[in-house]
């Protein structure tokens, strides 16, 4: 069984890399960041679309737990 991955957003250097993706039903959280700016993305439709969530001032996030 393979993992199907589809690009939903174009690359954005301000968001940096994604360090972790966690799902719970249709809810998806993706966290990461770049330099001194953390990134938190949230999806309620199974990852078809994402909204950026306010992130704490930190040097990027590496993991997320629900």
Protein backbone atom coordinates (compact mmCIF):
# COMPACT_ATOMS: atom_id res chain seq x y z
CA UNK A 1 0.00 0.00 0.00
CA UNK A 2 1.43 3.36 -1.02
CA UNK A 3 0.86 6.90 0.14
CA UNK A 4 -0.80 9.16 -2.42
CA UNK A 5 0.54 12.73 -2.25
CA UNK A 6 -0.94 15.64 -4.19
CA UNK A 7 0.38 19.22 -4.19
CA UNK A 8 -2.38 21.53 -2.93
CA UNK A 9 -0.41 24.79 -2.74
CA UNK A 10 2.49 26.20 -4.68
CA UNK A 11 5.85 26.43 -2.91
CA UNK A 12 6.09 29.43 -0.56
CA UNK A 13 9.50 30.21 0.96
CA UNK A 14 7.86 32.16 3.80
CA UNK A 15 6.19 28.95 5.03
CA UNK A 16 9.44 26.98 4.95
CA UNK A 17 9.44 23.20 5.23
CA UNK A 18 6.79 20.91 6.69
CA UNK A 19 8.27 18.87 9.55
CA UNK A 20 5.21 16.87 10.58
CA UNK A 21 1.72 16.04 9.31
CA UNK A 22 -0.95 14.59 11.63
CA UNK A 23 -4.49 13.51 10.73
CA UNK A 24 -7.59 12.75 12.75
CA UNK A 25 -10.53 11.87 10.51
CA UNK A 26 -10.86 14.70 7.98
CA UNK A 27 -8.78 17.11 10.12
CA UNK A 28 -5.15 17.58 9.08
CA UNK A 29 -2.45 19.63 10.80
CA UNK A 30 0.90 20.35 9.16
CA UNK A 31 3.67 22.10 11.10
CA UNK A 32 7.15 23.30 10.29
CA UNK A 33 8.69 26.63 9.43
CA UNK A 34 11.84 28.39 8.42
CA UNK A 35 14.53 30.32 10.31
CA UNK A 36 12.66 32.13 13.12
CA UNK A 37 9.12 31.76 11.81
CA UNK A 38 6.94 28.77 12.67
CA UNK A 39 4.23 27.49 10.30
CA UNK A 40 0.96 25.81 11.29
CA UNK A 41 -1.49 24.77 8.56
CA UNK A 42 -4.96 23.34 9.27
CA UNK A 43 -7.37 21.48 7.00
CA UNK A 44 -10.90 20.29 7.76
CA UNK A 45 -11.50 18.63 4.39
CA UNK A 46 -8.94 15.85 4.47
CA UNK A 47 -6.08 18.00 3.16
CA UNK A 48 -7.76 19.27 -0.01
CA UNK A 49 -7.28 22.85 1.22
CA UNK A 50 -5.34 24.43 4.07
CA UNK A 51 -5.58 27.61 6.11
CA UNK A 52 -2.64 29.12 7.96
CA UNK A 53 -3.09 29.26 11.75
CA UNK A 54 -1.41 31.88 13.98
CA UNK A 55 1.84 30.34 15.20
CA UNK A 56 3.86 31.20 18.31
CA UNK A 57 7.12 33.09 17.84
CA UNK A 58 9.60 30.26 17.70
CA UNK A 59 12.33 28.98 15.42
CA UNK A 60 10.03 26.57 13.59
CA UNK A 61 8.08 23.53 14.72
CA UNK A 62 9.22 19.94 14.22
CA UNK A 63 6.27 17.88 15.41
CA UNK A 64 2.58 18.02 16.35
CA UNK A 65 0.43 15.75 18.53
CA UNK A 66 -3.38 15.68 18.67
